[in-house]
Every structure is written in C-alpha cells, then in structure tokens.
Amino acid sequence: MIRRLGLFLVIAMLATFSSTPARAATDFDTYDAVDGVELQSAFLVVTGVLTGQTAPVTRSYFFGSGDADGRMRTCAKLAVFVMSKPGKFQLAMRNTSISTAGCKVVLRTP
C-alpha cells in the first residue's frame, strides 16, 4: 500500500511539472509594426501592433538595474530601426516576470 502511494505521488509530481507550458514561445511580444518608443526610467514603453492583432497596444518592459541602461537604449534603437523599415522587420520584446526585458529584431519572411 505504501509502495503504491509513493508511486502515485511520483507520477502525480511528474505530470504536474511536465505539463507546464514551454516558456520560450511565450516570453516574447512580437510586433509587426512599431508606432512609438519611449524611455521612462527603467522602462521601455513600446506602442505597436502585435503579430496576429489589428489594433495597436502599448506595453512597458522593465530593464532593472546594472547594465540595464545600455540594454534599454539598444532596444530603443532597434525599435526605431524597425519603425524606419515598415513591413521588413519585426521587433520581439522579452517580457517575463522572472527576468529583465530584452529584445531582438527578426527579418520577416516574404
């Protein structure tokens, strides 16, 4: 009986931990179009149209401390670059509760 209970608990724990969704696919907000960028203290505020949506949204991304200022300014420059080439690139902003923000530019496939 104890052995069976232990086996059940192990299976239940494995099922719980293995059913958590993959974080890599959901960590990034991907913008098809960027309409505006603003620096506010430790936040970068981006206004634009997210992939799969039609209406623009405004979201804030926290960059924390340390090397945050340099990373935030780099992301702001990348966002302005995406603004200057509409339809050619996407801006992907990482926004997680366990990490500071980050960004990347993705070439859109024709």
PDB file of N, CA and C in Angstrom:
ATOM      1  N   MET A   1       0.828  -1.193   0.000  1.00  0.00           N
ATOM      2  CA  MET A   1       0.000   0.000   0.000  1.00  0.00           C
ATOM      3  C   MET A   1       0.871   1.255   0.000  1.00  0.00           C
ATOM      4  N   ILE A   2       1.895   1.306   0.849  1.00  0.00           N
ATOM      5  CA  ILE A   2       2.780   2.467   0.907  1.00  0.00           C
ATOM      6  C   ILE A   2       3.550   2.607  -0.401  1.00  0.00           C
ATOM      7  N   ARG A   3       3.961   1.479  -0.931  1.00  0.00           N
ATOM      8  CA  ARG A   3       4.695   1.495  -2.193  1.00  0.00           C
ATOM      9  C   ARG A   3       3.817   2.054  -3.329  1.00  0.00           C
ATOM     10  N   ARG A   4       2.571   1.672  -3.341  1.00  0.00           N
ATOM     11  CA  ARG A   4       1.636   2.134  -4.352  1.00  0.00           C
ATOM     12  C   ARG A   4       1.373   3.635  -4.194  1.00  0.00           C
ATOM     13  N   LEU A   5       1.251   4.100  -2.965  1.00  0.00           N
ATOM     14  CA  LEU A   5       1.040   5.519  -2.696  1.00  0.00           C
ATOM     15  C   LEU A   5       2.256   6.327  -3.151  1.00  0.00           C
ATOM     16  N   GLY A   6       3.454   5.824  -2.868  1.00  0.00           N
ATOM     17  CA  GLY A   6       4.675   6.503  -3.297  1.00  0.00           C
ATOM     18  C   GLY A   6       4.758   6.596  -4.809  1.00  0.00           C
ATOM     19  N   LEU A   7       4.418   5.526  -5.497  1.00  0.00           N
ATOM     20  CA  LEU A   7       4.426   5.517  -6.958  1.00  0.00           C
ATOM     21  C   LEU A   7       3.408   6.520  -7.501  1.00  0.00           C
ATOM     22  N   PHE A   8       2.246   6.573  -6.883  1.00  0.00           N
ATOM     23  CA  PHE A   8       1.223   7.517  -7.311  1.00  0.00           C
ATOM     24  C   PHE A   8       1.709   8.952  -7.146  1.00  0.00           C
ATOM     25  N   LEU A   9       2.355   9.265  -6.016  1.00  0.00           N
ATOM     26  CA  LEU A   9       2.863  10.620  -5.775  1.00  0.00           C
ATOM     27  C   LEU A   9       3.941  11.006  -6.789  1.00  0.00           C
ATOM     28  N   VAL A  10       4.833  10.078  -7.113  1.00  0.00           N
ATOM     29  CA  VAL A  10       5.871  10.346  -8.105  1.00  0.00           C
ATOM     30  C   VAL A  10       5.244  10.632  -9.465  1.00  0.00           C
ATOM     31  N   ILE A  11       4.277   9.851  -9.866  1.00  0.00           N
ATOM     32  CA  ILE A  11       3.601  10.057 -11.151  1.00  0.00           C
ATOM     33  C   ILE A  11       2.867  11.397 -11.151  1.00  0.00           C
ATOM     34  N   ALA A  12       2.210  11.722 -10.057  1.00  0.00           N
ATOM     35  CA  ALA A  12       1.483  12.995  -9.972  1.00  0.00           C
ATOM     36  C   ALA A  12       2.439  14.182 -10.077  1.00  0.00           C
ATOM     37  N   MET A  13       3.601  14.111  -9.411  1.00  0.00           N
ATOM     38  CA  MET A  13       4.580  15.204  -9.488  1.00  0.00           C
ATOM     39  C   MET A  13       5.139  15.341 -10.894  1.00  0.00           C
ATOM     40  N   LEU A  14       5.452  14.230 -11.533  1.00  0.00           N
ATOM     41  CA  LEU A  14       5.968  14.284 -12.901  1.00  0.00           C
ATOM     42  C   LEU A  14       4.933  14.876 -13.857  1.00  0.00           C
ATOM     43  N   ALA A  15       3.691  14.497 -13.684  1.00  0.00           N
ATOM     44  CA  ALA A  15       2.633  15.020 -14.546  1.00  0.00           C
ATOM     45  C   ALA A  15       2.455  16.521 -14.338  1.00  0.00           C
ATOM     46  N   THR A  16       2.583  16.975 -13.105  1.00  0.00           N
ATOM     47  CA  THR A  16       2.441  18.393 -12.806  1.00  0.00           C
ATOM     48  C   THR A  16       3.562  19.201 -13.434  1.00  0.00           C
ATOM     49  N   PHE A  17       4.803  18.780 -13.259  1.00  0.00           N
ATOM     50  CA  PHE A  17       5.937  19.539 -13.773  1.00  0.00           C
ATOM     51  C   PHE A  17       6.082  19.428 -15.279  1.00  0.00           C
ATOM     52  N   SER A  18       5.714  18.322 -15.867  1.00  0.00           N
ATOM     53  CA  SER A  18       5.858  18.172 -17.313  1.00  0.00           C
ATOM     54  C   SER A  18       4.730  18.852 -18.070  1.00  0.00           C
ATOM     55  N   SER A  19       3.656  19.241 -17.379  1.00  0.00           N
ATOM     56  CA  SER A  19       2.544  19.878 -18.077  1.00  0.00           C
ATOM     57  C   SER A  19       2.666  21.388 -18.120  1.00  0.00           C
ATOM     58  N   THR A  20       3.740  21.959 -17.550  1.00  0.00           N
ATOM     59  CA  THR A  20       3.914  23.400 -17.633  1.00  0.00           C
ATOM     60  C   THR A  20       4.290  23.769 -19.059  1.00  0.00           C
ATOM     61  N   PRO A  21       3.722  24.843 -19.594  1.00  0.00           N
ATOM     62  CA  PRO A  21       3.978  25.205 -20.987  1.00  0.00           C
ATOM     63  C   PRO A  21       5.413  25.644 -21.211  1.00  0.00           C
ATOM     64  N   ALA A  22       5.883  25.478 -22.424  1.00  0.00           N
ATOM     65  CA  ALA A  22       7.238  25.917 -22.783  1.00  0.00           C
ATOM     66  C   ALA A  22       7.288  27.438 -22.722  1.00  0.00           C
ATOM     67  N   ARG A  23       8.285  27.976 -22.057  1.00  0.00           N
ATOM     68  CA  ARG A  23       8.374  29.414 -21.872  1.00  0.00           C
ATOM     69  C   ARG A  23       8.917  30.132 -23.102  1.00  0.00           C
ATOM     70  N   ALA A  24       9.746  29.473 -23.891  1.00  0.00           N
ATOM     71  CA  ALA A  24      10.413  30.151 -24.997  1.00  0.00           C
ATOM     72  C   ALA A  24       9.427  30.763 -25.978  1.00  0.00           C
ATOM     73  N   ALA A  25       8.329  30.096 -26.233  1.00  0.00           N
ATOM     74  CA  ALA A  25       7.381  30.599 -27.216  1.00  0.00           C
ATOM     75  C   ALA A  25       6.574  31.772 -26.690  1.00  0.00           C
ATOM     76  N   THR A  26       6.417  31.912 -25.387  1.00  0.00           N
ATOM     77  CA  THR A  26       5.560  32.947 -24.827  1.00  0.00           C
ATOM     78  C   THR A  26       6.331  34.080 -24.175  1.00  0.00           C
ATOM     79  N   ASP A  27       7.629  34.022 -24.133  1.00  0.00           N
ATOM     80  CA  ASP A  27       8.412  35.060 -23.477  1.00  0.00           C
ATOM     81  C   ASP A  27       8.497  36.344 -24.276  1.00  0.00           C
ATOM     82  N   PHE A  28       8.201  36.296 -25.558  1.00  0.00           N
ATOM     83  CA  PHE A  28       8.377  37.463 -26.409  1.00  0.00           C
ATOM     84  C   PHE A  28       7.044  38.004 -26.905  1.00  0.00           C
ATOM     85  N   ASP A  29       6.913  39.334 -26.863  1.00  0.00           N
ATOM     86  CA  ASP A  29       5.828  40.035 -27.542  1.00  0.00           C
ATOM     87  C   ASP A  29       6.408  40.446 -28.883  1.00  0.00           C
ATOM     88  N   THR A  30       5.839  39.956 -29.974  1.00  0.00           N
ATOM     89  CA  THR A  30       6.376  40.258 -31.297  1.00  0.00           C
ATOM     90  C   THR A  30       5.492  41.288 -31.986  1.00  0.00           C
ATOM     91  N   TYR A  31       6.104  42.404 -32.357  1.00  0.00           N
ATOM     92  CA  TYR A  31       5.403  43.497 -33.012  1.00  0.00           C
ATOM     93  C   TYR A  31       5.623  43.429 -34.517  1.00  0.00           C
ATOM     94  N   ASP A  32       4.528  43.422 -35.276  1.00  0.00           N
ATOM     95  CA  ASP A  32       4.619  43.510 -36.732  1.00  0.00           C
ATOM     96  C   ASP A  32       4.899  44.952 -37.152  1.00  0.00           C
ATOM     97  N   ALA A  33       4.387  45.890 -36.386  1.00  0.00           N
ATOM     98  CA  ALA A  33       4.604  47.309 -36.659  1.00  0.00           C
ATOM     99  C   ALA A  33       4.844  48.031 -35.339  1.00  0.00           C
ATOM    100  N   VAL A  34       5.818  48.911 -35.319  1.00  0.00           N
ATOM    101  CA  VAL A  34       6.110  49.722 -34.136  1.00  0.00           C
ATOM    102  C   VAL A  34       5.738  51.160 -34.460  1.00  0.00           C
ATOM    103  N   ASP A  35       4.862  51.742 -33.633  1.00  0.00           N
ATOM    104  CA  ASP A  35       4.389  53.110 -33.858  1.00  0.00           C
ATOM    105  C   ASP A  35       5.071  54.124 -32.959  1.00  0.00           C
ATOM    106  N   GLY A  36       5.612  53.679 -31.827  1.00  0.00           N
ATOM    107  CA  GLY A  36       6.251  54.616 -30.909  1.00  0.00           C
ATOM    108  C   GLY A  36       7.104  53.917 -29.871  1.00  0.00           C
ATOM    109  N   VAL A  37       8.117  54.636 -29.402  1.00  0.00           N
ATOM    110  CA  VAL A  37       9.034  54.123 -28.380  1.00  0.00           C
ATOM    111  C   VAL A  37       9.312  55.260 -27.405  1.00  0.00           C
ATOM    112  N   GLU A  38       9.292  54.938 -26.110  1.00  0.00           N
ATOM    113  CA  GLU A  38       9.549  55.952 -25.090  1.00  0.00           C
ATOM    114  C   GLU A  38      10.376  55.354 -23.962  1.00  0.00           C
ATOM    115  N   LEU A  39      11.373  56.090 -23.505  1.00  0.00           N
ATOM    116  CA  LEU A  39      12.177  55.682 -22.353  1.00  0.00           C
ATOM    117  C   LEU A  39      11.597  56.340 -21.117  1.00  0.00           C
ATOM    118  N   GLN A  40      11.276  55.541 -20.112  1.00  0.00           N
ATOM    119  CA  GLN A  40      10.748  56.060 -18.848  1.00  0.00           C
ATOM    120  C   GLN A  40      11.467  55.376 -17.704  1.00  0.00           C
ATOM    121  N   SER A  41      12.437  56.041 -17.121  1.00  0.00           N
ATOM    122  CA  SER A  41      13.199  55.494 -16.002  1.00  0.00           C
ATOM    123  C   SER A  41      13.798  54.143 -16.397  1.00  0.00           C
ATOM    124  N   ALA A  42      13.400  53.056 -15.739  1.00  0.00           N
ATOM    125  CA  ALA A  42      13.937  51.725 -16.048  1.00  0.00           C
ATOM    126  C   ALA A  42      13.022  50.952 -16.993  1.00  0.00           C
ATOM    127  N   PHE A  43      12.087  51.652 -17.626  1.00  0.00           N
ATOM    128  CA  PHE A  43      11.121  51.016 -18.517  1.00  0.00           C
ATOM    129  C   PHE A  43      11.275  51.534 -19.941  1.00  0.00           C
ATOM    130  N   LEU A  44      11.055  50.635 -20.890  1.00  0.00           N
ATOM    131  CA  LEU A  44      10.936  50.998 -22.293  1.00  0.00           C
ATOM    132  C   LEU A  44       9.478  50.766 -22.665  1.00  0.00           C
ATOM    133  N   VAL A  45       8.818  51.810 -23.129  1.00  0.00           N
ATOM    134  CA  VAL A  45       7.404  51.723 -23.479  1.00  0.00           C
ATOM    135  C   VAL A  45       7.301  51.657 -25.002  1.00  0.00           C
ATOM    136  N   VAL A  46       6.684  50.591 -25.497  1.00  0.00           N
ATOM    137  CA  VAL A  46       6.556  50.362 -26.940  1.00  0.00           C
ATOM    138  C   VAL A  46       5.079  50.380 -27.311  1.00  0.00           C
ATOM    139  N   THR A  47       4.763  51.132 -28.364  1.00  0.00           N
ATOM    140  CA  THR A  47       3.418  51.148 -28.922  1.00  0.00           C
ATOM    141  C   THR A  47       3.502  50.575 -30.323  1.00  0.00           C
ATOM    142  N   GLY A  48       2.641  49.602 -30.605  1.00  0.00           N
ATOM    143  CA  GLY A  48       2.653  48.991 -31.925  1.00  0.00           C
ATOM    144  C   GLY A  48       1.607  47.895 -32.044  1.00  0.00           C
ATOM    145  N   VAL A  49       1.627  47.252 -33.195  1.00  0.00           N
ATOM    146  CA  VAL A  49       0.660  46.183 -33.490  1.00  0.00           C
ATOM    147  C   VAL A  49       1.356  44.835 -33.295  1.00  0.00           C
ATOM    148  N   LEU A  50       0.835  44.047 -32.362  1.00  0.00           N
ATOM    149  CA  LEU A  50       1.378  42.718 -32.110  1.00  0.00           C
ATOM    150  C   LEU A  50       0.986  41.766 -33.241  1.00  0.00           C
ATOM    151  N   THR A  51       1.813  40.772 -33.468  1.00  0.00           N
ATOM    152  CA  THR A  51       1.543  39.771 -34.502  1.00  0.00           C
ATOM    153  C   THR A  51       0.188  39.119 -34.246  1.00  0.00           C
ATOM    154  N   GLY A  52      -0.633  39.059 -35.283  1.00  0.00           N
ATOM    155  CA  GLY A  52      -1.954  38.438 -35.175  1.00  0.00           C
ATOM    156  C   GLY A  52      -3.042  39.376 -34.715  1.00  0.00           C
ATOM    157  N   GLN A  53      -2.707  40.627 -34.410  1.00  0.00           N
ATOM    158  CA  GLN A  53      -3.708  41.596 -33.977  1.00  0.00           C
ATOM    159  C   GLN A  53      -3.802  42.726 -34.986  1.00  0.00           C
ATOM    160  N   THR A  54      -4.854  43.516 -34.888  1.00  0.00           N
ATOM    161  CA  THR A  54      -5.022  44.633 -35.810  1.00  0.00           C
ATOM    162  C   THR A  54      -4.951  45.984 -35.113  1.00  0.00           C
ATOM    163  N   ALA A  55      -5.244  46.018 -33.830  1.00  0.00           N
ATOM    164  CA  ALA A  55      -5.238  47.283 -33.087  1.00  0.00           C
ATOM    165  C   ALA A  55      -3.904  47.464 -32.362  1.00  0.00           C
ATOM    166  N   PRO A  56      -3.393  48.689 -32.332  1.00  0.00           N
ATOM    167  CA  PRO A  56      -2.140  48.927 -31.621  1.00  0.00           C
ATOM    168  C   PRO A  56      -2.326  48.815 -30.104  1.00  0.00           C
ATOM    169  N   VAL A  57      -1.265  48.384 -29.435  1.00  0.00           N
ATOM    170  CA  VAL A  57      -1.239  48.274 -27.976  1.00  0.00           C
ATOM    171  C   VAL A  57       0.005  49.007 -27.469  1.00  0.00           C
ATOM    172  N   THR A  58      -0.023  49.371 -26.202  1.00  0.00           N
ATOM    173  CA  THR A  58       1.131  49.986 -25.553  1.00  0.00           C
ATOM    174  C   THR A  58       1.522  49.103 -24.384  1.00  0.00           C
ATOM    175  N   ARG A  59       2.787  48.673 -24.366  1.00  0.00           N
ATOM    176  CA  ARG A  59       3.276  47.811 -23.292  1.00  0.00           C
ATOM    177  C   ARG A  59       4.594  48.359 -22.763  1.00  0.00           C
ATOM    178  N   SER A  60       4.819  48.123 -21.474  1.00  0.00           N
ATOM    179  CA  SER A  60       6.055  48.558 -20.816  1.00  0.00           C
ATOM    180  C   SER A  60       6.927  47.351 -20.531  1.00  0.00           C
ATOM    181  N   TYR A  61       8.244  47.531 -20.687  1.00  0.00           N
ATOM    182  CA  TYR A  61       9.208  46.458 -20.452  1.00  0.00           C
ATOM    183  C   TYR A  61      10.230  46.954 -19.445  1.00  0.00           C
ATOM    184  N   PHE A  62      10.378  46.208 -18.356  1.00  0.00           N
ATOM    185  CA  PHE A  62      11.262  46.579 -17.249  1.00  0.00           C
ATOM    186  C   PHE A  62      12.668  46.066 -17.503  1.00  0.00           C
ATOM    187  N   PHE A  63      13.652  46.954 -17.386  1.00  0.00           N
ATOM    188  CA  PHE A  63      15.034  46.585 -17.647  1.00  0.00           C
ATOM    189  C   PHE A  63      15.876  46.454 -16.388  1.00  0.00           C
ATOM    190  N   GLY A  64      15.339  46.775 -15.225  1.00  0.00           N
ATOM    191  CA  GLY A  64      16.066  46.546 -13.982  1.00  0.00           C
ATOM    192  C   GLY A  64      17.254  47.467 -13.804  1.00  0.00           C
ATOM    193  N   SER A  65      18.291  46.931 -13.155  1.00  0.00           N
ATOM    194  CA  SER A  65      19.468  47.744 -12.845  1.00  0.00           C
ATOM    195  C   SER A  65      20.711  47.114 -13.450  1.00  0.00           C
ATOM    196  N   GLY A  66      21.858  47.649 -13.087  1.00  0.00           N
ATOM    197  CA  GLY A  66      23.119  47.130 -13.614  1.00  0.00           C
ATOM    198  C   GLY A  66      23.366  47.667 -15.007  1.00  0.00           C
ATOM    199  N   ASP A  67      23.478  46.787 -15.973  1.00  0.00           N
ATOM    200  CA  ASP A  67      23.714  47.171 -17.366  1.00  0.00           C
ATOM    201  C   ASP A  67      22.403  47.502 -18.074  1.00  0.00           C
ATOM    202  N   ALA A  68      21.357  47.747 -17.323  1.00  0.00           N
ATOM    203  CA  ALA A  68      20.030  47.938 -17.904  1.00  0.00           C
ATOM    204  C   ALA A  68      19.970  49.143 -18.830  1.00  0.00           C
ATOM    205  N   ASP A  69      20.629  50.229 -18.464  1.00  0.00           N
ATOM    206  CA  ASP A  69      20.543  51.446 -19.269  1.00  0.00           C
ATOM    207  C   ASP A  69      21.059  51.195 -20.683  1.00  0.00           C
ATOM    208  N   GLY A  70      22.187  50.521 -20.799  1.00  0.00           N
ATOM    209  CA  GLY A  70      22.746  50.217 -22.111  1.00  0.00           C
ATOM    210  C   GLY A  70      21.853  49.292 -22.916  1.00  0.00           C
ATOM    211  N   ARG A  71      21.312  48.263 -22.263  1.00  0.00           N
ATOM    212  CA  ARG A  71      20.424  47.325 -22.963  1.00  0.00           C
ATOM    213  C   ARG A  71      19.136  48.013 -23.391  1.00  0.00           C
ATOM    214  N   MET A  72      18.601  48.870 -22.506  1.00  0.00           N
ATOM    215  CA  MET A  72      17.357  49.557 -22.820  1.00  0.00           C
ATOM    216  C   MET A  72      17.558  50.503 -24.005  1.00  0.00           C
ATOM    217  N   ARG A  73      18.664  51.224 -24.035  1.00  0.00           N
ATOM    218  CA  ARG A  73      18.932  52.143 -25.154  1.00  0.00           C
ATOM    219  C   ARG A  73      19.154  51.368 -26.457  1.00  0.00           C
ATOM    220  N   THR A  74      19.795  50.217 -26.371  1.00  0.00           N
ATOM    221  CA  THR A  74      19.979  49.383 -27.564  1.00  0.00           C
ATOM    222  C   THR A  74      18.629  48.925 -28.094  1.00  0.00           C
ATOM    223  N   CYS A  75      17.741  48.494 -27.203  1.00  0.00           N
ATOM    224  CA  CYS A  75      16.406  48.061 -27.633  1.00  0.00           C
ATOM    225  C   CYS A  75      15.621  49.227 -28.231  1.00  0.00           C
ATOM    226  N   ALA A  76      15.783  50.419 -27.655  1.00  0.00           N
ATOM    227  CA  ALA A  76      15.099  51.589 -28.208  1.00  0.00           C
ATOM    228  C   ALA A  76      15.602  51.876 -29.622  1.00  0.00           C
ATOM    229  N   LYS A  77      16.897  51.759 -29.836  1.00  0.00           N
ATOM    230  CA  LYS A  77      17.463  51.972 -31.174  1.00  0.00           C
ATOM    231  C   LYS A  77      16.942  50.921 -32.159  1.00  0.00           C
ATOM    232  N   LEU A  78      16.861  49.665 -31.707  1.00  0.00           N
ATOM    233  CA  LEU A  78      16.328  48.610 -32.572  1.00  0.00           C
ATOM    234  C   LEU A  78      14.860  48.868 -32.916  1.00  0.00           C
ATOM    235  N   ALA A  79      14.104  49.369 -31.946  1.00  0.00           N
ATOM    236  CA  ALA A  79      12.693  49.671 -32.195  1.00  0.00           C
ATOM    237  C   ALA A  79      12.556  50.792 -33.227  1.00  0.00           C
ATOM    238  N   VAL A  80      13.400  51.810 -33.125  1.00  0.00           N
ATOM    239  CA  VAL A  80      13.370  52.901 -34.101  1.00  0.00           C
ATOM    240  C   VAL A  80      13.764  52.376 -35.482  1.00  0.00           C
ATOM    241  N   PHE A  81      14.739  51.469 -35.523  1.00  0.00           N
ATOM    242  CA  PHE A  81      15.134  50.852 -36.788  1.00  0.00           C
ATOM    243  C   PHE A  81      13.955  50.111 -37.423  1.00  0.00           C
ATOM    244  N   VAL A  82      13.216  49.346 -36.617  1.00  0.00           N
ATOM    245  CA  VAL A  82      12.046  48.617 -37.129  1.00  0.00           C
ATOM    246  C   VAL A  82      10.993  49.608 -37.625  1.00  0.00           C
ATOM    247  N   MET A  83      10.850  50.733 -36.924  1.00  0.00           N
ATOM    248  CA  MET A  83       9.900  51.767 -37.356  1.00  0.00           C
ATOM    249  C   MET A  83      10.279  52.324 -38.724  1.00  0.00           C
ATOM    250  N   SER A  84      11.568  52.424 -38.990  1.00  0.00           N
ATOM    251  CA  SER A  84      12.030  53.032 -40.243  1.00  0.00           C
ATOM    252  C   SER A  84      11.899  52.100 -41.442  1.00  0.00           C
ATOM    253  N   LYS A  85      11.671  50.816 -41.204  1.00  0.00           N
ATOM    254  CA  LYS A  85      11.543  49.825 -42.276  1.00  0.00           C
ATOM    255  C   LYS A  85      10.240  49.047 -42.106  1.00  0.00           C
ATOM    256  N   PRO A  86       9.093  49.711 -42.248  1.00  0.00           N
ATOM    257  CA  PRO A  86       7.823  49.009 -42.003  1.00  0.00           C
ATOM    258  C   PRO A  86       7.625  47.817 -42.933  1.00  0.00           C
ATOM    259  N   GLY A  87       7.192  46.712 -42.352  1.00  0.00           N
ATOM    260  CA  GLY A  87       6.914  45.509 -43.111  1.00  0.00           C
ATOM    261  C   GLY A  87       8.114  44.610 -43.371  1.00  0.00           C
ATOM    262  N   LYS A  88       9.326  45.097 -43.131  1.00  0.00           N
ATOM    263  CA  LYS A  88      10.517  44.304 -43.413  1.00  0.00           C
ATOM    264  C   LYS A  88      11.001  43.526 -42.183  1.00  0.00           C
ATOM    265  N   PHE A  89      10.856  44.121 -40.997  1.00  0.00           N
ATOM    266  CA  PHE A  89      11.342  43.501 -39.762  1.00  0.00           C
ATOM    267  C   PHE A  89      10.237  43.468 -38.718  1.00  0.00           C
ATOM    268  N   GLN A  90      10.409  42.579 -37.739  1.00  0.00           N
ATOM    269  CA  GLN A  90       9.558  42.529 -36.553  1.00  0.00           C
ATOM    270  C   GLN A  90      10.427  42.811 -35.343  1.00  0.00           C
ATOM    271  N   LEU A  91       9.840  43.434 -34.338  1.00  0.00           N
ATOM    272  CA  LEU A  91      10.522  43.657 -33.068  1.00  0.00           C
ATOM    273  C   LEU A  91       9.963  42.678 -32.057  1.00  0.00           C
ATOM    274  N   ALA A  92      10.828  41.898 -31.431  1.00  0.00           N
ATOM    275  CA  ALA A  92      10.402  40.956 -30.393  1.00  0.00           C
ATOM    276  C   ALA A  92      10.967  41.442 -29.063  1.00  0.00           C
ATOM    277  N   MET A  93      10.089  41.715 -28.121  1.00  0.00           N
ATOM    278  CA  MET A  93      10.484  42.192 -26.791  1.00  0.00           C
ATOM    279  C   MET A  93      10.216  41.104 -25.770  1.00  0.00           C
ATOM    280  N   ARG A  94      11.253  40.754 -24.989  1.00  0.00           N
ATOM    281  CA  ARG A  94      11.087  39.747 -23.941  1.00  0.00           C
ATOM    282  C   ARG A  94      10.509  40.424 -22.721  1.00  0.00           C
ATOM    283  N   ASN A  95       9.438  39.851 -22.217  1.00  0.00           N
ATOM    284  CA  ASN A  95       8.779  40.404 -21.046  1.00  0.00           C
ATOM    285  C   ASN A  95       8.385  39.261 -20.126  1.00  0.00           C
ATOM    286  N   THR A  96       9.218  38.988 -19.135  1.00  0.00           N
ATOM    287  CA  THR A  96       8.916  37.912 -18.201  1.00  0.00           C
ATOM    288  C   THR A  96       8.928  38.450 -16.790  1.00  0.00           C
ATOM    289  N   SER A  97       8.282  37.748 -15.907  1.00  0.00           N
ATOM    290  CA  SER A  97       8.242  38.170 -14.513  1.00  0.00           C
ATOM    291  C   SER A  97       9.481  37.725 -13.748  1.00  0.00           C
ATOM    292  N   ILE A  98      10.279  36.822 -14.335  1.00  0.00           N
ATOM    293  CA  ILE A  98      11.445  36.321 -13.612  1.00  0.00           C
ATOM    294  C   ILE A  98      12.755  36.878 -14.135  1.00  0.00           C
ATOM    295  N   SER A  99      12.691  37.709 -15.146  1.00  0.00           N
ATOM    296  CA  SER A  99      13.911  38.210 -15.758  1.00  0.00           C
ATOM    297  C   SER A  99      13.680  39.632 -16.228  1.00  0.00           C
ATOM    298  N   THR A 100      14.764  40.335 -16.499  1.00  0.00           N
ATOM    299  CA  THR A 100      14.617  41.667 -17.057  1.00  0.00           C
ATOM    300  C   THR A 100      14.349  41.559 -18.553  1.00  0.00           C
ATOM    301  N   ALA A 101      13.866  42.634 -19.107  1.00  0.00           N
ATOM    302  CA  ALA A 101      13.474  42.644 -20.512  1.00  0.00           C
ATOM    303  C   ALA A 101      14.683  42.540 -21.432  1.00  0.00           C
ATOM    304  N   GLY A 102      14.413  42.175 -22.650  1.00  0.00           N
ATOM    305  CA  GLY A 102      15.411  42.102 -23.702  1.00  0.00           C
ATOM    306  C   GLY A 102      14.703  42.266 -25.034  1.00  0.00           C
ATOM    307  N   CYS A 103      15.461  42.272 -26.116  1.00  0.00           N
ATOM    308  CA  CYS A 103      14.833  42.485 -27.414  1.00  0.00           C
ATOM    309  C   CYS A 103      15.632  41.813 -28.515  1.00  0.00           C
ATOM    310  N   LYS A 104      14.968  41.661 -29.654  1.00  0.00           N
ATOM    311  CA  LYS A 104      15.639  41.178 -30.848  1.00  0.00           C
ATOM    312  C   LYS A 104      14.826  41.630 -32.052  1.00  0.00           C
ATOM    313  N   VAL A 105      15.515  41.728 -33.189  1.00  0.00           N
ATOM    314  CA  VAL A 105      14.872  42.088 -34.443  1.00  0.00           C
ATOM    315  C   VAL A 105      14.843  40.837 -35.314  1.00  0.00           C
ATOM    316  N   VAL A 106      13.691  40.591 -35.927  1.00  0.00           N
ATOM    317  CA  VAL A 106      13.509  39.399 -36.748  1.00  0.00           C
ATOM    318  C   VAL A 106      13.191  39.847 -38.169  1.00  0.00           C
ATOM    319  N   LEU A 107      13.921  39.312 -39.147  1.00  0.00           N
ATOM    320  CA  LEU A 107      13.646  39.578 -40.547  1.00  0.00           C
ATOM    321  C   LEU A 107      12.375  38.846 -40.931  1.00  0.00           C
ATOM    322  N   ARG A 108      11.418  39.572 -41.494  1.00  0.00           N
ATOM    323  CA  ARG A 108      10.152  38.947 -41.910  1.00  0.00           C
ATOM    324  C   ARG A 108      10.380  38.180 -43.180  1.00  0.00           C
ATOM    325  N   THR A 109       9.798  37.022 -43.266  1.00  0.00           N
ATOM    326  CA  THR A 109       9.925  36.213 -44.472  1.00  0.00           C
ATOM    327  C   THR A 109       8.926  36.710 -45.503  1.00  0.00           C
ATOM    328  N   PRO A 110       9.336  36.802 -46.765  1.00  0.00           N
ATOM    329  CA  PRO A 110       8.434  37.320 -47.804  1.00  0.00           C
ATOM    330  C   PRO A 110       7.276  36.389 -48.078  1.00  0.00           C
TER     331      PRO A 110
END
